[in-house]
């Protein structure tokens, strides 16, 4: 059940695609059932993930550098708060 809901939330798959994927893996489940699971489980998962999310700090910096990718120099940057 959690695998179906995770795939539905994480990837651009339709419920009918998930139904076919689960059938190929030997699990008979209807797309309407997966929709009910998603409606029930996703708000609970979002609440848990929101409670574990660390707030960003007021001070941010940007790291900039060049790196070599496939023998070609590329510009790389990332934003980080003070805790990184």
PDB file of N, CA and C in Angstrom:
ATOM      1  N   UNK A   1       0.831  -1.173   0.000  1.00  0.00           N
ATOM      2  CA  UNK A   1       0.000   0.000   0.000  1.00  0.00           C
ATOM      3  C   UNK A   1       0.885   1.249   0.000  1.00  0.00           C
ATOM      4  N   UNK A   2       1.882   1.295   0.876  1.00  0.00           N
ATOM      5  CA  UNK A   2       2.762   2.460   0.932  1.00  0.00           C
ATOM      6  C   UNK A   2       3.597   2.608  -0.335  1.00  0.00           C
ATOM      7  N   UNK A   3       3.971   1.505  -0.936  1.00  0.00           N
ATOM      8  CA  UNK A   3       4.752   1.570  -2.173  1.00  0.00           C
ATOM      9  C   UNK A   3       3.930   2.248  -3.269  1.00  0.00           C
ATOM     10  N   UNK A   4       2.677   1.880  -3.396  1.00  0.00           N
ATOM     11  CA  UNK A   4       1.812   2.486  -4.412  1.00  0.00           C
ATOM     12  C   UNK A   4       1.650   3.982  -4.168  1.00  0.00           C
ATOM     13  N   UNK A   5       1.397   4.359  -2.940  1.00  0.00           N
ATOM     14  CA  UNK A   5       1.196   5.770  -2.614  1.00  0.00           C
ATOM     15  C   UNK A   5       2.492   6.547  -2.824  1.00  0.00           C
ATOM     16  N   UNK A   6       3.613   5.951  -2.465  1.00  0.00           N
ATOM     17  CA  UNK A   6       4.907   6.632  -2.659  1.00  0.00           C
ATOM     18  C   UNK A   6       5.170   6.859  -4.138  1.00  0.00           C
ATOM     19  N   UNK A   7       4.971   5.842  -4.968  1.00  0.00           N
ATOM     20  CA  UNK A   7       5.185   5.994  -6.399  1.00  0.00           C
ATOM     21  C   UNK A   7       4.230   7.027  -6.985  1.00  0.00           C
ATOM     22  N   UNK A   8       2.990   7.031  -6.510  1.00  0.00           N
ATOM     23  CA  UNK A   8       1.999   7.982  -7.006  1.00  0.00           C
ATOM     24  C   UNK A   8       2.406   9.416  -6.667  1.00  0.00           C
ATOM     25  N   UNK A   9       2.951   9.617  -5.476  1.00  0.00           N
ATOM     26  CA  UNK A   9       3.337  10.966  -5.046  1.00  0.00           C
ATOM     27  C   UNK A   9       4.681  11.401  -5.631  1.00  0.00           C
ATOM     28  N   UNK A  10       5.596  10.470  -5.822  1.00  0.00           N
ATOM     29  CA  UNK A  10       6.957  10.833  -6.208  1.00  0.00           C
ATOM     30  C   UNK A  10       7.170  10.926  -7.718  1.00  0.00           C
ATOM     31  N   UNK A  11       6.413  10.179  -8.487  1.00  0.00           N
ATOM     32  CA  UNK A  11       6.659  10.112  -9.925  1.00  0.00           C
ATOM     33  C   UNK A  11       5.401  10.483 -10.700  1.00  0.00           C
ATOM     34  N   UNK A  12       5.550  10.976 -11.921  1.00  0.00           N
ATOM     35  CA  UNK A  12       4.375  11.356 -12.714  1.00  0.00           C
ATOM     36  C   UNK A  12       3.688  10.139 -13.337  1.00  0.00           C
ATOM     37  N   UNK A  13       3.107   9.309 -12.494  1.00  0.00           N
ATOM     38  CA  UNK A  13       2.410   8.109 -12.940  1.00  0.00           C
ATOM     39  C   UNK A  13       0.922   8.257 -12.660  1.00  0.00           C
ATOM     40  N   UNK A  14       0.110   7.734 -13.563  1.00  0.00           N
ATOM     41  CA  UNK A  14      -1.316   7.728 -13.304  1.00  0.00           C
ATOM     42  C   UNK A  14      -1.656   6.510 -12.450  1.00  0.00           C
ATOM     43  N   UNK A  15      -2.846   6.537 -11.877  1.00  0.00           N
ATOM     44  CA  UNK A  15      -3.267   5.403 -11.056  1.00  0.00           C
ATOM     45  C   UNK A  15      -3.442   4.147 -11.903  1.00  0.00           C
ATOM     46  N   UNK A  16      -3.865   4.313 -13.136  1.00  0.00           N
ATOM     47  CA  UNK A  16      -3.994   3.138 -14.022  1.00  0.00           C
ATOM     48  C   UNK A  16      -2.628   2.559 -14.369  1.00  0.00           C
ATOM     49  N   UNK A  17      -1.622   3.415 -14.537  1.00  0.00           N
ATOM     50  CA  UNK A  17      -0.257   2.910 -14.757  1.00  0.00           C
ATOM     51  C   UNK A  17       0.225   2.127 -13.542  1.00  0.00           C
ATOM     52  N   UNK A  18      -0.039   2.661 -12.351  1.00  0.00           N
ATOM     53  CA  UNK A  18       0.349   1.949 -11.133  1.00  0.00           C
ATOM     54  C   UNK A  18      -0.382   0.622 -11.009  1.00  0.00           C
ATOM     55  N   UNK A  19      -1.648   0.602 -11.401  1.00  0.00           N
ATOM     56  CA  UNK A  19      -2.409  -0.648 -11.364  1.00  0.00           C
ATOM     57  C   UNK A  19      -1.746  -1.699 -12.252  1.00  0.00           C
ATOM     58  N   UNK A  20      -1.318  -1.312 -13.444  1.00  0.00           N
ATOM     59  CA  UNK A  20      -0.637  -2.240 -14.347  1.00  0.00           C
ATOM     60  C   UNK A  20       0.703  -2.686 -13.774  1.00  0.00           C
ATOM     61  N   UNK A  21       1.444  -1.760 -13.188  1.00  0.00           N
ATOM     62  CA  UNK A  21       2.736  -2.112 -12.609  1.00  0.00           C
ATOM     63  C   UNK A  21       2.576  -3.114 -11.469  1.00  0.00           C
ATOM     64  N   UNK A  22       1.587  -2.901 -10.624  1.00  0.00           N
ATOM     65  CA  UNK A  22       1.374  -3.827  -9.514  1.00  0.00           C
ATOM     66  C   UNK A  22       0.890  -5.186 -10.012  1.00  0.00           C
ATOM     67  N   UNK A  23       0.075  -5.195 -11.068  1.00  0.00           N
ATOM     68  CA  UNK A  23      -0.384  -6.465 -11.647  1.00  0.00           C
ATOM     69  C   UNK A  23       0.802  -7.258 -12.189  1.00  0.00           C
ATOM     70  N   UNK A  24       1.754  -6.568 -12.821  1.00  0.00           N
ATOM     71  CA  UNK A  24       2.962  -7.237 -13.321  1.00  0.00           C
ATOM     72  C   UNK A  24       3.776  -7.840 -12.185  1.00  0.00           C
ATOM     73  N   UNK A  25       3.678  -7.263 -10.993  1.00  0.00           N
ATOM     74  CA  UNK A  25       4.412  -7.770  -9.827  1.00  0.00           C
ATOM     75  C   UNK A  25       3.603  -8.791  -9.034  1.00  0.00           C
ATOM     76  N   UNK A  26       2.419  -9.145  -9.535  1.00  0.00           N
ATOM     77  CA  UNK A  26       1.616 -10.183  -8.897  1.00  0.00           C
ATOM     78  C   UNK A  26       0.669  -9.681  -7.820  1.00  0.00           C
ATOM     79  N   UNK A  27       0.430  -8.371  -7.753  1.00  0.00           N
ATOM     80  CA  UNK A  27      -0.469  -7.800  -6.757  1.00  0.00           C
ATOM     81  C   UNK A  27      -1.692  -7.266  -7.490  1.00  0.00           C
ATOM     82  N   UNK A  28      -2.847  -7.846  -7.210  1.00  0.00           N
ATOM     83  CA  UNK A  28      -4.087  -7.404  -7.849  1.00  0.00           C
ATOM     84  C   UNK A  28      -4.698  -6.285  -7.016  1.00  0.00           C
ATOM     85  N   UNK A  29      -4.665  -5.063  -7.567  1.00  0.00           N
ATOM     86  CA  UNK A  29      -5.224  -3.913  -6.873  1.00  0.00           C
ATOM     87  C   UNK A  29      -5.874  -3.002  -7.914  1.00  0.00           C
ATOM     88  N   UNK A  30      -6.995  -2.409  -7.556  1.00  0.00           N
ATOM     89  CA  UNK A  30      -7.739  -1.543  -8.451  1.00  0.00           C
ATOM     90  C   UNK A  30      -7.233  -0.106  -8.308  1.00  0.00           C
ATOM     91  N   UNK A  31      -7.316   0.680  -9.396  1.00  0.00           N
ATOM     92  CA  UNK A  31      -6.846   2.058  -9.345  1.00  0.00           C
ATOM     93  C   UNK A  31      -7.703   2.906  -8.401  1.00  0.00           C
ATOM     94  N   UNK A  32      -8.980   2.580  -8.267  1.00  0.00           N
ATOM     95  CA  UNK A  32      -9.842   3.322  -7.342  1.00  0.00           C
ATOM     96  C   UNK A  32      -9.423   3.074  -5.892  1.00  0.00           C
ATOM     97  N   UNK A  33      -8.998   1.857  -5.599  1.00  0.00           N
ATOM     98  CA  UNK A  33      -8.506   1.539  -4.258  1.00  0.00           C
ATOM     99  C   UNK A  33      -7.239   2.317  -3.952  1.00  0.00           C
ATOM    100  N   UNK A  34      -6.337   2.406  -4.929  1.00  0.00           N
ATOM    101  CA  UNK A  34      -5.108   3.174  -4.721  1.00  0.00           C
ATOM    102  C   UNK A  34      -5.429   4.658  -4.513  1.00  0.00           C
ATOM    103  N   UNK A  35      -6.445   5.156  -5.196  1.00  0.00           N
ATOM    104  CA  UNK A  35      -6.839   6.561  -5.008  1.00  0.00           C
ATOM    105  C   UNK A  35      -7.332   6.787  -3.582  1.00  0.00           C
ATOM    106  N   UNK A  36      -8.117   5.864  -3.045  1.00  0.00           N
ATOM    107  CA  UNK A  36      -8.580   5.966  -1.660  1.00  0.00           C
ATOM    108  C   UNK A  36      -7.405   5.904  -0.691  1.00  0.00           C
ATOM    109  N   UNK A  37      -6.426   5.037  -0.975  1.00  0.00           N
ATOM    110  CA  UNK A  37      -5.238   4.965  -0.129  1.00  0.00           C
ATOM    111  C   UNK A  37      -4.501   6.303  -0.141  1.00  0.00           C
ATOM    112  N   UNK A  38      -4.342   6.879  -1.326  1.00  0.00           N
ATOM    113  CA  UNK A  38      -3.619   8.146  -1.445  1.00  0.00           C
ATOM    114  C   UNK A  38      -4.336   9.255  -0.677  1.00  0.00           C
ATOM    115  N   UNK A  39      -5.656   9.319  -0.795  1.00  0.00           N
ATOM    116  CA  UNK A  39      -6.416  10.345  -0.074  1.00  0.00           C
ATOM    117  C   UNK A  39      -6.299  10.188   1.433  1.00  0.00           C
ATOM    118  N   UNK A  40      -6.142   8.956   1.886  1.00  0.00           N
ATOM    119  CA  UNK A  40      -6.063   8.695   3.327  1.00  0.00           C
ATOM    120  C   UNK A  40      -4.641   8.866   3.862  1.00  0.00           C
ATOM    121  N   UNK A  41      -3.645   8.409   3.117  1.00  0.00           N
ATOM    122  CA  UNK A  41      -2.280   8.342   3.630  1.00  0.00           C
ATOM    123  C   UNK A  41      -1.482   9.617   3.375  1.00  0.00           C
ATOM    124  N   UNK A  42      -1.648  10.263   2.224  1.00  0.00           N
ATOM    125  CA  UNK A  42      -0.810  11.414   1.882  1.00  0.00           C
ATOM    126  C   UNK A  42      -0.919  12.574   2.877  1.00  0.00           C
ATOM    127  N   UNK A  43      -2.106  12.940   3.370  1.00  0.00           N
ATOM    128  CA  UNK A  43      -2.130  14.012   4.376  1.00  0.00           C
ATOM    129  C   UNK A  43      -1.381  13.651   5.663  1.00  0.00           C
ATOM    130  N   UNK A  44      -1.465  12.395   6.071  1.00  0.00           N
ATOM    131  CA  UNK A  44      -0.746  11.964   7.277  1.00  0.00           C
ATOM    132  C   UNK A  44       0.765  12.014   7.049  1.00  0.00           C
ATOM    133  N   UNK A  45       1.220  11.562   5.872  1.00  0.00           N
ATOM    134  CA  UNK A  45       2.647  11.614   5.565  1.00  0.00           C
ATOM    135  C   UNK A  45       3.132  13.063   5.477  1.00  0.00           C
ATOM    136  N   UNK A  46       2.340  13.932   4.869  1.00  0.00           N
ATOM    137  CA  UNK A  46       2.733  15.338   4.764  1.00  0.00           C
ATOM    138  C   UNK A  46       2.864  15.971   6.142  1.00  0.00           C
ATOM    139  N   UNK A  47       1.977  15.624   7.058  1.00  0.00           N
ATOM    140  CA  UNK A  47       2.044  16.160   8.421  1.00  0.00           C
ATOM    141  C   UNK A  47       3.331  15.720   9.112  1.00  0.00           C
ATOM    142  N   UNK A  48       3.692  14.458   8.974  1.00  0.00           N
ATOM    143  CA  UNK A  48       4.914  13.937   9.596  1.00  0.00           C
ATOM    144  C   UNK A  48       6.146  14.589   8.980  1.00  0.00           C
ATOM    145  N   UNK A  49       6.177  14.696   7.648  1.00  0.00           N
ATOM    146  CA  UNK A  49       7.340  15.289   6.992  1.00  0.00           C
ATOM    147  C   UNK A  49       7.473  16.763   7.336  1.00  0.00           C
ATOM    148  N   UNK A  50       6.356  17.480   7.434  1.00  0.00           N
ATOM    149  CA  UNK A  50       6.401  18.892   7.796  1.00  0.00           C
ATOM    150  C   UNK A  50       6.947  19.088   9.205  1.00  0.00           C
ATOM    151  N   UNK A  51       6.591  18.165  10.116  1.00  0.00           N
ATOM    152  CA  UNK A  51       7.079  18.301  11.493  1.00  0.00           C
ATOM    153  C   UNK A  51       8.576  18.043  11.594  1.00  0.00           C
ATOM    154  N   UNK A  52       9.139  17.262  10.682  1.00  0.00           N
ATOM    155  CA  UNK A  52      10.572  16.957  10.710  1.00  0.00           C
ATOM    156  C   UNK A  52      11.405  17.911   9.871  1.00  0.00           C
ATOM    157  N   UNK A  53      10.756  18.802   9.147  1.00  0.00           N
ATOM    158  CA  UNK A  53      11.465  19.730   8.279  1.00  0.00           C
ATOM    159  C   UNK A  53      12.132  20.815   9.112  1.00  0.00           C
ATOM    160  N   UNK A  54      13.397  21.059   8.835  1.00  0.00           N
ATOM    161  CA  UNK A  54      14.135  22.088   9.553  1.00  0.00           C
ATOM    162  C   UNK A  54      13.892  23.434   8.885  1.00  0.00           C
ATOM    163  N   UNK A  55      13.556  24.442   9.651  1.00  0.00           N
ATOM    164  CA  UNK A  55      13.367  25.761   9.043  1.00  0.00           C
ATOM    165  C   UNK A  55      14.708  26.337   8.598  1.00  0.00           C
ATOM    166  N   UNK A  56      14.672  27.096   7.544  1.00  0.00           N
ATOM    167  CA  UNK A  56      15.887  27.739   7.055  1.00  0.00           C
ATOM    168  C   UNK A  56      16.270  28.901   7.953  1.00  0.00           C
ATOM    169  N   UNK A  57      17.536  29.148   8.051  1.00  0.00           N
ATOM    170  CA  UNK A  57      18.009  30.240   8.889  1.00  0.00           C
ATOM    171  C   UNK A  57      17.882  31.585   8.177  1.00  0.00           C
ATOM    172  N   UNK A  58      18.070  32.670   8.908  1.00  0.00           N
ATOM    173  CA  UNK A  58      17.961  33.995   8.292  1.00  0.00           C
ATOM    174  C   UNK A  58      19.188  34.370   7.459  1.00  0.00           C
ATOM    175  N   UNK A  59      20.293  33.666   7.643  1.00  0.00           N
ATOM    176  CA  UNK A  59      21.526  33.992   6.936  1.00  0.00           C
ATOM    177  C   UNK A  59      21.803  32.931   5.869  1.00  0.00           C
ATOM    178  N   UNK A  60      21.926  33.362   4.624  1.00  0.00           N
ATOM    179  CA  UNK A  60      22.192  32.467   3.509  1.00  0.00           C
ATOM    180  C   UNK A  60      23.455  32.903   2.786  1.00  0.00           C
ATOM    181  N   UNK A  61      24.136  31.949   2.179  1.00  0.00           N
ATOM    182  CA  UNK A  61      25.282  32.263   1.347  1.00  0.00           C
ATOM    183  C   UNK A  61      25.212  31.390   0.095  1.00  0.00           C
ATOM    184  N   UNK A  62      25.940  31.763  -0.918  1.00  0.00           N
ATOM    185  CA  UNK A  62      25.980  31.000  -2.161  1.00  0.00           C
ATOM    186  C   UNK A  62      27.417  30.566  -2.393  1.00  0.00           C
ATOM    187  N   UNK A  63      27.605  29.265  -2.544  1.00  0.00           N
ATOM    188  CA  UNK A  63      28.918  28.722  -2.895  1.00  0.00           C
ATOM    189  C   UNK A  63      28.984  28.608  -4.409  1.00  0.00           C
ATOM    190  N   UNK A  64      30.054  29.103  -5.000  1.00  0.00           N
ATOM    191  CA  UNK A  64      30.226  29.049  -6.448  1.00  0.00           C
ATOM    192  C   UNK A  64      31.573  28.433  -6.774  1.00  0.00           C
ATOM    193  N   UNK A  65      31.595  27.587  -7.775  1.00  0.00           N
ATOM    194  CA  UNK A  65      32.848  26.985  -8.198  1.00  0.00           C
ATOM    195  C   UNK A  65      32.697  26.436  -9.603  1.00  0.00           C
ATOM    196  N   UNK A  66      33.803  26.034 -10.194  1.00  0.00           N
ATOM    197  CA  UNK A  66      33.796  25.334 -11.473  1.00  0.00           C
ATOM    198  C   UNK A  66      34.217  23.891 -11.231  1.00  0.00           C
ATOM    199  N   UNK A  67      33.576  22.977 -11.919  1.00  0.00           N
ATOM    200  CA  UNK A  67      33.959  21.569 -11.844  1.00  0.00           C
ATOM    201  C   UNK A  67      34.072  21.027 -13.266  1.00  0.00           C
ATOM    202  N   UNK A  68      34.843  19.969 -13.416  1.00  0.00           N
ATOM    203  CA  UNK A  68      35.020  19.355 -14.724  1.00  0.00           C
ATOM    204  C   UNK A  68      34.068  18.173 -14.855  1.00  0.00           C
ATOM    205  N   UNK A  69      33.206  18.221 -15.869  1.00  0.00           N
ATOM    206  CA  UNK A  69      32.243  17.155 -16.145  1.00  0.00           C
ATOM    207  C   UNK A  69      32.445  16.721 -17.585  1.00  0.00           C
ATOM    208  N   UNK A  70      32.770  15.464 -17.791  1.00  0.00           N
ATOM    209  CA  UNK A  70      33.020  14.929 -19.135  1.00  0.00           C
ATOM    210  C   UNK A  70      34.033  15.786 -19.905  1.00  0.00           C
ATOM    211  N   UNK A  71      35.133  16.098 -19.267  1.00  0.00           N
ATOM    212  CA  UNK A  71      36.231  16.871 -19.855  1.00  0.00           C
ATOM    213  C   UNK A  71      35.803  18.287 -20.231  1.00  0.00           C
ATOM    214  N   UNK A  72      34.746  18.797 -19.621  1.00  0.00           N
ATOM    215  CA  UNK A  72      34.263  20.147 -19.901  1.00  0.00           C
ATOM    216  C   UNK A  72      34.022  20.870 -18.581  1.00  0.00           C
ATOM    217  N   UNK A  73      34.458  22.120 -18.483  1.00  0.00           N
ATOM    218  CA  UNK A  73      34.285  22.875 -17.251  1.00  0.00           C
ATOM    219  C   UNK A  73      32.863  23.407 -17.165  1.00  0.00           C
ATOM    220  N   UNK A  74      32.211  23.176 -16.011  1.00  0.00           N
ATOM    221  CA  UNK A  74      30.845  23.632 -15.768  1.00  0.00           C
ATOM    222  C   UNK A  74      30.815  24.486 -14.500  1.00  0.00           C
ATOM    223  N   UNK A  75      29.931  25.478 -14.506  1.00  0.00           N
ATOM    224  CA  UNK A  75      29.751  26.345 -13.348  1.00  0.00           C
ATOM    225  C   UNK A  75      28.783  25.676 -12.387  1.00  0.00           C
ATOM    226  N   UNK A  76      29.145  25.577 -11.119  1.00  0.00           N
ATOM    227  CA  UNK A  76      28.318  24.940 -10.110  1.00  0.00           C
ATOM    228  C   UNK A  76      28.118  25.915  -8.957  1.00  0.00           C
ATOM    229  N   UNK A  77      26.890  26.037  -8.496  1.00  0.00           N
ATOM    230  CA  UNK A  77      26.618  26.863  -7.322  1.00  0.00           C
ATOM    231  C   UNK A  77      25.519  26.220  -6.496  1.00  0.00           C
ATOM    232  N   UNK A  78      25.491  26.541  -5.218  1.00  0.00           N
ATOM    233  CA  UNK A  78      24.452  26.038  -4.327  1.00  0.00           C
ATOM    234  C   UNK A  78      24.194  27.076  -3.252  1.00  0.00           C
ATOM    235  N   UNK A  79      22.950  27.144  -2.822  1.00  0.00           N
ATOM    236  CA  UNK A  79      22.587  28.042  -1.737  1.00  0.00           C
ATOM    237  C   UNK A  79      22.607  27.238  -0.453  1.00  0.00           C
ATOM    238  N   UNK A  80      23.134  27.826   0.601  1.00  0.00           N
ATOM    239  CA  UNK A  80      23.215  27.140   1.889  1.00  0.00           C
ATOM    240  C   UNK A  80      22.969  28.131   3.011  1.00  0.00           C
ATOM    241  N   UNK A  81      22.296  27.651   4.048  1.00  0.00           N
ATOM    242  CA  UNK A  81      22.136  28.517   5.198  1.00  0.00           C
ATOM    243  C   UNK A  81      23.298  28.298   6.158  1.00  0.00           C
ATOM    244  N   UNK A  82      23.291  28.941   7.262  1.00  0.00           N
ATOM    245  CA  UNK A  82      24.434  28.922   8.175  1.00  0.00           C
ATOM    246  C   UNK A  82      24.700  27.519   8.731  1.00  0.00           C
ATOM    247  N   UNK A  83      23.667  26.656   8.828  1.00  0.00           N
ATOM    248  CA  UNK A  83      23.847  25.334   9.432  1.00  0.00           C
ATOM    249  C   UNK A  83      24.533  24.344   8.504  1.00  0.00           C
ATOM    250  N   UNK A  84      24.630  24.604   7.200  1.00  0.00           N
ATOM    251  CA  UNK A  84      25.266  23.666   6.266  1.00  0.00           C
ATOM    252  C   UNK A  84      26.759  23.639   6.418  1.00  0.00           C
TER     253      UNK A  84
END
